[in-house]
Amino acid sequence: MRSAVALLAFAASAYAYSVTFPSATDGWTNSGAQSLEWSRVSTDPTTFTVLLVNDDANYSQQLAASVDGTLGNTTVNPPSGGWPSPAGAYRVNLVTNTTDNAILAQSVEFNITAATSNSTSTTSTSGSSSASSGTTAIVNTGTAAAGTSGTNTATSASTSATSGTKNGAASLGVQTGLFGILALVGALLVV
């Protein structure tokens, strides 16, 4: 009896793969490639297959095959039909291969959420010695997802807006200086 318990304990510890990302608090989005991270021990198989599953929705899709387990992380692309609709209760299963779905590790349940667009705009106003002023708009648009960054579409506009602001400030300083001198002359004439 003791030997059977010891054998079961040994069998359970033989595979020590553990999915560390995604987690219950940090899931995936439904846009682009997603990060997958895990830990392992030297006795684990060196490759595995990645499945995305949702038992509540009877959903199972292969995301990657023959993943190098010694790396500790990878990115997985969307399944052939795209990422599923945003929802919860998804898991990542690391299985032995595409024909034998023996689970080496299973993540905790996590959410797949809708991807958000990262968009900002900045407006800079510069003054001049006349009563008119110009306005320059700088727009930075892009989508942030799994290691990608947005594209700054107005780098030169940003530079010109900065120099325009400096020119406007210098012009405003000259105007302020002239008003100061005129006020001083006016005060001397009154006395």
N, C-alpha and C. Protein backbone atom coordinates (compact mmCIF):
# COMPACT_ATOMS: atom_id res chain seq x y z
N MET A 1 0.82 -1.18 0.00
CA MET A 1 0.00 0.00 0.00
C MET A 1 0.87 1.26 0.00
N ARG A 2 1.92 1.26 0.83
CA ARG A 2 2.81 2.41 0.89
C ARG A 2 3.50 2.62 -0.44
N SER A 3 3.88 1.55 -1.09
CA SER A 3 4.58 1.68 -2.37
C SER A 3 3.65 2.26 -3.43
N ALA A 4 2.35 1.95 -3.39
CA ALA A 4 1.39 2.50 -4.35
C ALA A 4 1.23 4.00 -4.14
N VAL A 5 1.16 4.44 -2.87
CA VAL A 5 1.06 5.87 -2.56
C VAL A 5 2.32 6.59 -3.00
N ALA A 6 3.47 6.01 -2.76
CA ALA A 6 4.74 6.62 -3.15
C ALA A 6 4.84 6.71 -4.67
N LEU A 7 4.37 5.67 -5.37
CA LEU A 7 4.39 5.67 -6.82
C LEU A 7 3.48 6.77 -7.38
N LEU A 8 2.29 6.93 -6.80
CA LEU A 8 1.38 7.99 -7.23
C LEU A 8 1.97 9.37 -6.97
N ALA A 9 2.60 9.57 -5.83
CA ALA A 9 3.23 10.85 -5.51
C ALA A 9 4.36 11.15 -6.47
N PHE A 10 5.15 10.12 -6.82
CA PHE A 10 6.23 10.30 -7.78
C PHE A 10 5.69 10.66 -9.15
N ALA A 11 4.64 9.97 -9.57
CA ALA A 11 4.04 10.23 -10.88
C ALA A 11 3.48 11.65 -10.94
N ALA A 12 2.89 12.12 -9.87
CA ALA A 12 2.33 13.47 -9.84
C ALA A 12 3.42 14.53 -9.89
N SER A 13 4.57 14.23 -9.32
CA SER A 13 5.65 15.22 -9.31
C SER A 13 6.57 15.10 -10.52
N ALA A 14 6.36 14.09 -11.36
CA ALA A 14 7.23 13.88 -12.51
C ALA A 14 7.13 15.06 -13.48
N TYR A 15 5.96 15.62 -13.65
CA TYR A 15 5.78 16.79 -14.51
C TYR A 15 5.52 18.00 -13.63
N ALA A 16 6.40 18.96 -13.74
CA ALA A 16 6.27 20.12 -12.87
C ALA A 16 6.07 21.40 -13.66
N TYR A 17 5.68 21.30 -14.95
CA TYR A 17 5.35 22.51 -15.68
C TYR A 17 4.31 23.28 -14.89
N SER A 18 4.43 24.60 -14.89
CA SER A 18 3.46 25.46 -14.22
C SER A 18 3.29 26.72 -15.05
N VAL A 19 2.06 27.03 -15.45
CA VAL A 19 1.78 28.23 -16.22
C VAL A 19 1.76 29.41 -15.26
N THR A 20 2.60 30.42 -15.53
CA THR A 20 2.67 31.59 -14.66
C THR A 20 2.00 32.82 -15.26
N PHE A 21 1.80 32.84 -16.59
CA PHE A 21 1.05 33.91 -17.25
C PHE A 21 0.40 33.33 -18.49
N PRO A 22 -0.86 33.54 -18.71
CA PRO A 22 -1.79 34.46 -18.05
C PRO A 22 -2.18 33.98 -16.66
N SER A 23 -2.70 34.93 -15.87
CA SER A 23 -3.09 34.62 -14.50
C SER A 23 -4.53 35.07 -14.27
N ALA A 24 -5.02 34.83 -13.08
CA ALA A 24 -6.41 35.21 -12.74
C ALA A 24 -6.60 36.73 -12.81
N THR A 25 -5.55 37.49 -12.52
CA THR A 25 -5.67 38.95 -12.53
C THR A 25 -5.19 39.58 -13.85
N ASP A 26 -4.33 38.90 -14.57
CA ASP A 26 -3.80 39.42 -15.83
C ASP A 26 -4.05 38.40 -16.94
N GLY A 27 -5.10 38.64 -17.71
CA GLY A 27 -5.45 37.72 -18.78
C GLY A 27 -4.93 38.20 -20.13
N TRP A 28 -5.63 37.84 -21.18
CA TRP A 28 -5.27 38.19 -22.55
C TRP A 28 -6.31 39.14 -23.13
N THR A 29 -5.97 39.75 -24.26
CA THR A 29 -6.95 40.52 -25.03
C THR A 29 -7.30 39.73 -26.29
N ASN A 30 -8.30 40.20 -26.99
CA ASN A 30 -8.73 39.49 -28.20
C ASN A 30 -8.09 40.07 -29.46
N SER A 31 -6.89 40.63 -29.33
CA SER A 31 -6.23 41.25 -30.47
C SER A 31 -4.75 40.90 -30.49
N GLY A 32 -4.28 40.37 -31.59
CA GLY A 32 -2.85 40.13 -31.78
C GLY A 32 -2.32 38.95 -30.99
N ALA A 33 -0.99 38.79 -31.05
CA ALA A 33 -0.31 37.70 -30.34
C ALA A 33 -0.34 37.97 -28.83
N GLN A 34 -0.36 36.91 -28.05
CA GLN A 34 -0.44 37.02 -26.59
C GLN A 34 0.75 36.31 -25.94
N SER A 35 1.14 36.78 -24.77
CA SER A 35 2.28 36.20 -24.05
C SER A 35 1.86 34.97 -23.25
N LEU A 36 2.74 34.00 -23.22
CA LEU A 36 2.55 32.80 -22.42
C LEU A 36 3.86 32.56 -21.69
N GLU A 37 3.78 32.37 -20.36
CA GLU A 37 4.97 32.13 -19.55
C GLU A 37 4.75 30.92 -18.67
N TRP A 38 5.84 30.20 -18.37
CA TRP A 38 5.74 28.99 -17.56
C TRP A 38 7.07 28.73 -16.86
N SER A 39 7.02 27.85 -15.90
CA SER A 39 8.24 27.36 -15.26
C SER A 39 8.25 25.84 -15.43
N ARG A 40 9.40 25.23 -15.29
CA ARG A 40 9.52 23.78 -15.48
C ARG A 40 10.71 23.26 -14.69
N VAL A 41 10.80 21.96 -14.60
CA VAL A 41 11.96 21.30 -14.01
C VAL A 41 12.64 20.48 -15.09
N SER A 42 13.86 20.06 -14.82
CA SER A 42 14.66 19.38 -15.85
C SER A 42 14.06 18.05 -16.31
N THR A 43 13.19 17.45 -15.51
CA THR A 43 12.61 16.17 -15.91
C THR A 43 11.38 16.32 -16.80
N ASP A 44 10.93 17.55 -17.03
CA ASP A 44 9.78 17.78 -17.90
C ASP A 44 10.15 17.52 -19.36
N PRO A 45 9.18 17.16 -20.19
CA PRO A 45 9.46 17.04 -21.62
C PRO A 45 9.94 18.39 -22.16
N THR A 46 10.78 18.37 -23.19
CA THR A 46 11.35 19.62 -23.70
C THR A 46 10.40 20.36 -24.63
N THR A 47 9.38 19.69 -25.14
CA THR A 47 8.40 20.39 -26.00
C THR A 47 6.99 20.06 -25.53
N PHE A 48 6.06 20.93 -25.90
CA PHE A 48 4.65 20.71 -25.59
C PHE A 48 3.78 21.43 -26.61
N THR A 49 2.49 21.16 -26.55
CA THR A 49 1.49 21.82 -27.39
C THR A 49 0.63 22.70 -26.50
N VAL A 50 0.22 23.87 -27.01
CA VAL A 50 -0.58 24.82 -26.24
C VAL A 50 -2.02 24.78 -26.74
N LEU A 51 -2.95 24.56 -25.82
CA LEU A 51 -4.38 24.60 -26.13
C LEU A 51 -5.04 25.70 -25.32
N LEU A 52 -5.99 26.42 -25.94
CA LEU A 52 -6.84 27.37 -25.24
C LEU A 52 -8.18 26.69 -25.06
N VAL A 53 -8.64 26.60 -23.82
CA VAL A 53 -9.89 25.88 -23.54
C VAL A 53 -10.82 26.72 -22.66
N ASN A 54 -12.11 26.43 -22.81
CA ASN A 54 -13.13 27.00 -21.94
C ASN A 54 -14.17 25.89 -21.77
N ASP A 55 -14.14 25.23 -20.62
CA ASP A 55 -15.04 24.10 -20.39
C ASP A 55 -16.50 24.53 -20.36
N ASP A 56 -16.78 25.75 -19.87
CA ASP A 56 -18.16 26.23 -19.82
C ASP A 56 -18.76 26.39 -21.21
N ALA A 57 -17.93 26.79 -22.18
CA ALA A 57 -18.41 27.02 -23.54
C ALA A 57 -18.09 25.86 -24.48
N ASN A 58 -17.53 24.77 -23.94
CA ASN A 58 -17.14 23.61 -24.75
C ASN A 58 -16.22 24.06 -25.89
N TYR A 59 -15.20 24.86 -25.53
CA TYR A 59 -14.29 25.46 -26.50
C TYR A 59 -12.89 24.90 -26.30
N SER A 60 -12.23 24.50 -27.38
CA SER A 60 -10.85 24.03 -27.33
C SER A 60 -10.20 24.31 -28.68
N GLN A 61 -9.11 25.09 -28.66
CA GLN A 61 -8.38 25.43 -29.87
C GLN A 61 -6.89 25.28 -29.64
N GLN A 62 -6.21 24.68 -30.59
CA GLN A 62 -4.75 24.57 -30.52
C GLN A 62 -4.15 25.91 -30.92
N LEU A 63 -3.22 26.42 -30.11
CA LEU A 63 -2.57 27.69 -30.40
C LEU A 63 -1.15 27.51 -30.94
N ALA A 64 -0.44 26.47 -30.48
CA ALA A 64 0.94 26.24 -30.92
C ALA A 64 1.32 24.79 -30.66
N ALA A 65 2.16 24.24 -31.53
CA ALA A 65 2.65 22.87 -31.37
C ALA A 65 4.18 22.90 -31.29
N SER A 66 4.73 21.90 -30.66
CA SER A 66 6.19 21.75 -30.53
C SER A 66 6.87 22.99 -29.97
N VAL A 67 6.29 23.56 -28.92
CA VAL A 67 6.86 24.74 -28.26
C VAL A 67 8.07 24.29 -27.45
N ASP A 68 9.16 25.03 -27.54
CA ASP A 68 10.38 24.72 -26.79
C ASP A 68 10.16 25.07 -25.32
N GLY A 69 9.97 24.06 -24.49
CA GLY A 69 9.69 24.27 -23.08
C GLY A 69 10.84 24.84 -22.29
N THR A 70 12.06 24.75 -22.81
CA THR A 70 13.22 25.26 -22.08
C THR A 70 13.29 26.78 -22.11
N LEU A 71 12.52 27.43 -22.98
CA LEU A 71 12.57 28.88 -23.10
C LEU A 71 11.91 29.60 -21.92
N GLY A 72 10.83 29.05 -21.38
CA GLY A 72 10.14 29.68 -20.26
C GLY A 72 9.07 30.67 -20.66
N ASN A 73 9.07 31.11 -21.94
CA ASN A 73 8.03 32.03 -22.42
C ASN A 73 7.98 31.99 -23.93
N THR A 74 6.85 32.41 -24.46
CA THR A 74 6.67 32.52 -25.90
C THR A 74 5.47 33.42 -26.16
N THR A 75 5.23 33.74 -27.40
CA THR A 75 3.99 34.42 -27.76
C THR A 75 3.20 33.45 -28.64
N VAL A 76 1.90 33.46 -28.46
CA VAL A 76 1.04 32.59 -29.25
C VAL A 76 0.12 33.45 -30.10
N ASN A 77 -0.07 33.03 -31.34
CA ASN A 77 -0.93 33.75 -32.26
C ASN A 77 -2.37 33.33 -32.08
N PRO A 78 -3.31 34.12 -32.56
CA PRO A 78 -4.73 33.76 -32.45
C PRO A 78 -5.01 32.44 -33.18
N PRO A 79 -6.02 31.71 -32.73
CA PRO A 79 -6.41 30.51 -33.46
C PRO A 79 -6.90 30.87 -34.86
N SER A 80 -7.08 29.89 -35.71
CA SER A 80 -7.43 30.14 -37.12
C SER A 80 -8.69 30.98 -37.28
N GLY A 81 -9.64 30.85 -36.40
CA GLY A 81 -10.87 31.64 -36.48
C GLY A 81 -10.80 32.94 -35.71
N GLY A 82 -9.63 33.31 -35.20
CA GLY A 82 -9.48 34.51 -34.39
C GLY A 82 -9.73 34.21 -32.92
N TRP A 83 -9.42 35.18 -32.08
CA TRP A 83 -9.65 35.01 -30.64
C TRP A 83 -11.15 34.93 -30.39
N PRO A 84 -11.56 34.18 -29.38
CA PRO A 84 -12.98 34.11 -29.06
C PRO A 84 -13.48 35.44 -28.50
N SER A 85 -14.79 35.58 -28.44
CA SER A 85 -15.40 36.79 -27.89
C SER A 85 -14.92 36.99 -26.46
N PRO A 86 -14.76 38.26 -26.06
CA PRO A 86 -14.34 38.53 -24.68
C PRO A 86 -15.25 37.83 -23.67
N ALA A 87 -14.63 37.13 -22.75
CA ALA A 87 -15.36 36.40 -21.71
C ALA A 87 -14.35 35.89 -20.70
N GLY A 88 -14.85 35.22 -19.68
CA GLY A 88 -13.99 34.64 -18.66
C GLY A 88 -13.96 33.13 -18.75
N ALA A 89 -13.33 32.51 -17.79
CA ALA A 89 -13.25 31.06 -17.62
C ALA A 89 -12.40 30.36 -18.69
N TYR A 90 -11.44 31.08 -19.30
CA TYR A 90 -10.53 30.44 -20.24
C TYR A 90 -9.33 29.89 -19.47
N ARG A 91 -8.73 28.85 -20.01
CA ARG A 91 -7.52 28.26 -19.45
C ARG A 91 -6.57 27.94 -20.60
N VAL A 92 -5.29 27.92 -20.29
CA VAL A 92 -4.28 27.43 -21.22
C VAL A 92 -3.85 26.07 -20.70
N ASN A 93 -3.90 25.06 -21.57
CA ASN A 93 -3.41 23.73 -21.23
C ASN A 93 -2.12 23.49 -21.99
N LEU A 94 -1.08 23.05 -21.28
CA LEU A 94 0.14 22.58 -21.92
C LEU A 94 0.00 21.07 -21.97
N VAL A 95 -0.05 20.52 -23.19
CA VAL A 95 -0.25 19.07 -23.36
C VAL A 95 0.96 18.48 -24.06
N THR A 96 1.08 17.15 -23.98
CA THR A 96 2.28 16.48 -24.49
C THR A 96 2.50 16.67 -25.98
N ASN A 97 1.46 16.52 -26.79
CA ASN A 97 1.60 16.74 -28.24
C ASN A 97 0.21 16.84 -28.87
N THR A 98 0.17 16.98 -30.19
CA THR A 98 -1.10 17.20 -30.87
C THR A 98 -2.02 15.98 -30.89
N THR A 99 -1.46 14.78 -30.74
CA THR A 99 -2.30 13.57 -30.77
C THR A 99 -2.63 13.05 -29.39
N ASP A 100 -1.75 13.30 -28.43
CA ASP A 100 -1.96 12.84 -27.06
C ASP A 100 -2.15 14.07 -26.18
N ASN A 101 -3.37 14.34 -25.78
CA ASN A 101 -3.66 15.55 -25.01
C ASN A 101 -3.47 15.37 -23.51
N ALA A 102 -2.48 14.58 -23.10
CA ALA A 102 -2.18 14.43 -21.67
C ALA A 102 -1.69 15.78 -21.15
N ILE A 103 -2.37 16.31 -20.14
CA ILE A 103 -2.07 17.66 -19.63
C ILE A 103 -0.81 17.64 -18.78
N LEU A 104 0.15 18.47 -19.18
CA LEU A 104 1.37 18.67 -18.40
C LEU A 104 1.16 19.77 -17.37
N ALA A 105 0.40 20.79 -17.75
CA ALA A 105 0.10 21.92 -16.85
C ALA A 105 -1.16 22.60 -17.35
N GLN A 106 -1.83 23.26 -16.42
CA GLN A 106 -3.05 24.01 -16.76
C GLN A 106 -3.02 25.33 -16.01
N SER A 107 -3.32 26.42 -16.71
CA SER A 107 -3.34 27.72 -16.06
C SER A 107 -4.59 27.84 -15.19
N VAL A 108 -4.60 28.86 -14.36
CA VAL A 108 -5.82 29.21 -13.65
C VAL A 108 -6.78 29.83 -14.66
N GLU A 109 -8.04 29.95 -14.32
CA GLU A 109 -8.99 30.60 -15.22
C GLU A 109 -8.64 32.08 -15.34
N PHE A 110 -8.74 32.60 -16.56
CA PHE A 110 -8.46 34.01 -16.81
C PHE A 110 -9.46 34.55 -17.81
N ASN A 111 -9.49 35.87 -17.95
CA ASN A 111 -10.40 36.54 -18.86
C ASN A 111 -9.71 36.89 -20.17
N ILE A 112 -10.46 36.83 -21.24
CA ILE A 112 -10.04 37.43 -22.51
C ILE A 112 -10.91 38.67 -22.65
N THR A 113 -10.25 39.83 -22.72
CA THR A 113 -10.97 41.10 -22.76
C THR A 113 -10.81 41.76 -24.12
N ALA A 114 -11.68 42.71 -24.41
CA ALA A 114 -11.59 43.46 -25.66
C ALA A 114 -10.35 44.35 -25.62
N ALA A 115 -9.64 44.38 -26.72
CA ALA A 115 -8.44 45.22 -26.82
C ALA A 115 -8.85 46.68 -26.85
N THR A 116 -8.04 47.52 -26.24
CA THR A 116 -8.32 48.96 -26.24
C THR A 116 -7.35 49.65 -27.16
N SER A 117 -7.80 50.73 -27.78
CA SER A 117 -6.95 51.54 -28.66
C SER A 117 -6.30 52.60 -27.81
N ASN A 118 -5.02 52.84 -28.04
CA ASN A 118 -4.26 53.82 -27.29
C ASN A 118 -4.11 55.07 -28.15
N SER A 119 -4.89 56.10 -27.86
CA SER A 119 -4.85 57.31 -28.69
C SER A 119 -4.81 58.54 -27.81
N THR A 120 -3.90 59.46 -28.14
CA THR A 120 -3.82 60.71 -27.40
C THR A 120 -3.64 61.85 -28.39
N SER A 121 -4.04 63.04 -27.99
CA SER A 121 -3.76 64.21 -28.83
C SER A 121 -3.35 65.36 -27.95
N THR A 122 -2.48 66.18 -28.49
CA THR A 122 -1.96 67.33 -27.76
C THR A 122 -2.05 68.54 -28.67
N THR A 123 -2.45 69.66 -28.13
CA THR A 123 -2.51 70.88 -28.91
C THR A 123 -1.56 71.89 -28.31
N SER A 124 -0.80 72.57 -29.17
CA SER A 124 0.14 73.59 -28.72
C SER A 124 -0.20 74.88 -29.44
N THR A 125 -0.30 76.00 -28.71
CA THR A 125 -0.62 77.29 -29.30
C THR A 125 0.59 78.19 -29.15
N SER A 126 0.95 78.86 -30.22
CA SER A 126 2.07 79.79 -30.15
C SER A 126 1.59 81.19 -30.49
N GLY A 127 2.13 82.19 -29.83
CA GLY A 127 1.75 83.58 -30.07
C GLY A 127 2.72 84.24 -31.02
N SER A 128 2.36 85.43 -31.49
CA SER A 128 3.26 86.22 -32.35
C SER A 128 3.12 87.69 -31.95
N SER A 129 3.93 88.57 -32.57
CA SER A 129 3.87 89.98 -32.20
C SER A 129 2.57 90.63 -32.65
N SER A 130 1.88 90.03 -33.60
CA SER A 130 0.58 90.57 -33.99
C SER A 130 -0.51 89.93 -33.13
N ALA A 131 -1.75 90.32 -33.37
CA ALA A 131 -2.86 89.84 -32.56
C ALA A 131 -3.25 88.41 -32.89
N SER A 132 -2.77 87.85 -34.01
CA SER A 132 -3.18 86.49 -34.40
C SER A 132 -2.24 85.46 -33.78
N SER A 133 -2.75 84.23 -33.66
CA SER A 133 -1.93 83.13 -33.16
C SER A 133 -2.25 81.89 -33.96
N GLY A 134 -1.27 81.01 -34.09
CA GLY A 134 -1.47 79.76 -34.83
C GLY A 134 -1.64 78.60 -33.88
N THR A 135 -2.27 77.54 -34.35
CA THR A 135 -2.46 76.34 -33.55
C THR A 135 -1.91 75.14 -34.30
N THR A 136 -1.14 74.32 -33.63
CA THR A 136 -0.59 73.11 -34.23
C THR A 136 -1.08 71.92 -33.44
N ALA A 137 -1.62 70.90 -34.11
CA ALA A 137 -2.09 69.69 -33.43
C ALA A 137 -1.11 68.57 -33.65
N ILE A 138 -0.81 67.83 -32.60
CA ILE A 138 0.07 66.68 -32.67
C ILE A 138 -0.75 65.48 -32.23
N VAL A 139 -0.83 64.46 -33.06
CA VAL A 139 -1.64 63.30 -32.72
C VAL A 139 -0.76 62.07 -32.71
N ASN A 140 -0.80 61.31 -31.63
CA ASN A 140 -0.07 60.07 -31.49
C ASN A 140 -1.08 58.95 -31.44
N THR A 141 -1.13 58.12 -32.46
CA THR A 141 -2.09 57.03 -32.46
C THR A 141 -1.35 55.72 -32.56
N GLY A 142 -1.97 54.67 -32.02
CA GLY A 142 -1.39 53.34 -32.10
C GLY A 142 -2.16 52.39 -31.24
N THR A 143 -1.91 51.12 -31.41
CA THR A 143 -2.56 50.09 -30.62
C THR A 143 -1.48 49.37 -29.84
N ALA A 144 -1.65 49.25 -28.50
CA ALA A 144 -0.68 48.56 -27.68
C ALA A 144 -1.16 47.15 -27.41
N ALA A 145 -0.38 46.16 -27.79
CA ALA A 145 -0.73 44.78 -27.54
C ALA A 145 0.50 43.93 -27.58
N ALA A 146 0.76 43.25 -26.50
CA ALA A 146 1.80 42.25 -26.39
C ALA A 146 3.10 42.66 -27.04
N GLY A 147 3.69 43.71 -26.56
CA GLY A 147 4.99 44.07 -27.03
C GLY A 147 5.02 44.99 -28.23
N THR A 148 3.88 45.49 -28.72
CA THR A 148 3.90 46.43 -29.82
C THR A 148 3.73 47.82 -29.26
N SER A 149 4.14 48.82 -30.04
CA SER A 149 4.00 50.19 -29.58
C SER A 149 3.34 51.01 -30.67
N GLY A 150 2.77 52.15 -30.26
CA GLY A 150 2.08 53.04 -31.18
C GLY A 150 3.08 53.77 -32.08
N THR A 151 2.58 54.41 -33.11
CA THR A 151 3.41 55.13 -34.05
C THR A 151 3.16 56.61 -33.89
N ASN A 152 4.19 57.38 -33.73
CA ASN A 152 4.05 58.82 -33.65
C ASN A 152 4.02 59.34 -35.07
N THR A 153 2.85 59.84 -35.49
CA THR A 153 2.66 60.27 -36.88
C THR A 153 3.04 61.72 -37.11
N ALA A 154 3.47 62.42 -36.09
CA ALA A 154 3.76 63.84 -36.28
C ALA A 154 5.02 64.25 -35.54
N THR A 155 6.12 63.52 -35.78
CA THR A 155 7.35 63.84 -35.09
C THR A 155 7.84 65.23 -35.47
N SER A 156 7.83 65.55 -36.77
CA SER A 156 8.30 66.87 -37.17
C SER A 156 7.35 67.96 -36.70
N ALA A 157 6.04 67.67 -36.64
CA ALA A 157 5.08 68.65 -36.15
C ALA A 157 5.35 68.95 -34.69
N SER A 158 5.76 67.91 -33.94
CA SER A 158 6.07 68.09 -32.53
C SER A 158 7.24 69.05 -32.38
N THR A 159 8.25 68.88 -33.22
CA THR A 159 9.42 69.76 -33.16
C THR A 159 9.04 71.19 -33.52
N SER A 160 8.24 71.35 -34.59
CA SER A 160 7.88 72.70 -34.99
C SER A 160 6.96 73.35 -33.96
N ALA A 161 6.08 72.57 -33.31
CA ALA A 161 5.22 73.15 -32.29
C ALA A 161 6.04 73.61 -31.10
N THR A 162 7.09 72.84 -30.77
CA THR A 162 7.94 73.22 -29.65
C THR A 162 8.67 74.52 -29.96
N SER A 163 9.25 74.62 -31.19
CA SER A 163 9.96 75.84 -31.51
C SER A 163 8.98 77.00 -31.66
N GLY A 164 7.76 76.73 -32.14
CA GLY A 164 6.76 77.78 -32.23
C GLY A 164 6.39 78.31 -30.87
N THR A 165 6.31 77.43 -29.89
CA THR A 165 5.99 77.86 -28.53
C THR A 165 7.12 78.72 -27.98
N LYS A 166 8.37 78.35 -28.26
CA LYS A 166 9.49 79.16 -27.79
C LYS A 166 9.46 80.53 -28.46
N ASN A 167 9.19 80.58 -29.78
CA ASN A 167 9.13 81.86 -30.48
C ASN A 167 7.99 82.71 -29.92
N GLY A 168 6.86 82.07 -29.64
CA GLY A 168 5.72 82.80 -29.09
C GLY A 168 6.05 83.35 -27.71
N ALA A 169 6.76 82.58 -26.90
CA ALA A 169 7.12 83.03 -25.57
C ALA A 169 8.10 84.21 -25.66
N ALA A 170 9.05 84.14 -26.60
CA ALA A 170 10.00 85.23 -26.76
C ALA A 170 9.27 86.49 -27.22
N SER A 171 8.34 86.31 -28.17
CA SER A 171 7.56 87.45 -28.66
C SER A 171 6.72 88.05 -27.53
N LEU A 172 6.13 87.20 -26.72
CA LEU A 172 5.33 87.68 -25.60
C LEU A 172 6.21 88.42 -24.60
N GLY A 173 7.45 87.95 -24.41
CA GLY A 173 8.39 88.62 -23.51
C GLY A 173 8.73 90.01 -24.02
N VAL A 174 8.92 90.15 -25.33
CA VAL A 174 9.22 91.46 -25.93
C VAL A 174 8.03 92.40 -25.73
N GLN A 175 6.81 91.88 -25.97
CA GLN A 175 5.61 92.70 -25.79
C GLN A 175 5.49 93.16 -24.35
N THR A 176 5.73 92.24 -23.42
CA THR A 176 5.62 92.59 -22.00
C THR A 176 6.66 93.65 -21.64
N GLY A 177 7.87 93.51 -22.19
CA GLY A 177 8.92 94.51 -21.94
C GLY A 177 8.54 95.87 -22.48
N LEU A 178 7.95 95.93 -23.68
CA LEU A 178 7.52 97.20 -24.27
C LEU A 178 6.43 97.86 -23.43
N PHE A 179 5.46 97.04 -22.98
CA PHE A 179 4.41 97.59 -22.13
C PHE A 179 4.97 98.12 -20.82
N GLY A 180 5.97 97.45 -20.30
CA GLY A 180 6.61 97.91 -19.06
C GLY A 180 7.29 99.25 -19.24
N ILE A 181 8.00 99.39 -20.37
CA ILE A 181 8.69 100.67 -20.65
C ILE A 181 7.67 101.79 -20.85
N LEU A 182 6.60 101.50 -21.61
CA LEU A 182 5.56 102.51 -21.84
C LEU A 182 4.90 102.91 -20.52
N ALA A 183 4.66 101.95 -19.64
CA ALA A 183 4.06 102.26 -18.34
C ALA A 183 4.99 103.14 -17.52
N LEU A 184 6.28 102.86 -17.56
CA LEU A 184 7.26 103.65 -16.83
C LEU A 184 7.34 105.08 -17.38
N VAL A 185 7.34 105.22 -18.71
CA VAL A 185 7.38 106.54 -19.33
C VAL A 185 6.11 107.31 -18.97
N GLY A 186 4.96 106.63 -19.02
CA GLY A 186 3.69 107.26 -18.66
C GLY A 186 3.70 107.73 -17.21
N ALA A 187 4.25 106.94 -16.31
CA ALA A 187 4.31 107.32 -14.90
C ALA A 187 5.21 108.52 -14.70
N LEU A 188 6.33 108.61 -15.43
CA LEU A 188 7.24 109.74 -15.32
C LEU A 188 6.60 111.03 -15.87
N LEU A 189 5.78 110.89 -16.91
CA LEU A 189 5.12 112.06 -17.48
C LEU A 189 4.05 112.60 -16.56
N VAL A 190 3.40 111.71 -15.80
CA VAL A 190 2.36 112.14 -14.89
C VAL A 190 2.96 112.93 -13.72
N VAL A 191 4.14 112.63 -13.28
CA VAL A 191 4.76 113.28 -12.14
C VAL A 191 5.24 114.62 -12.45
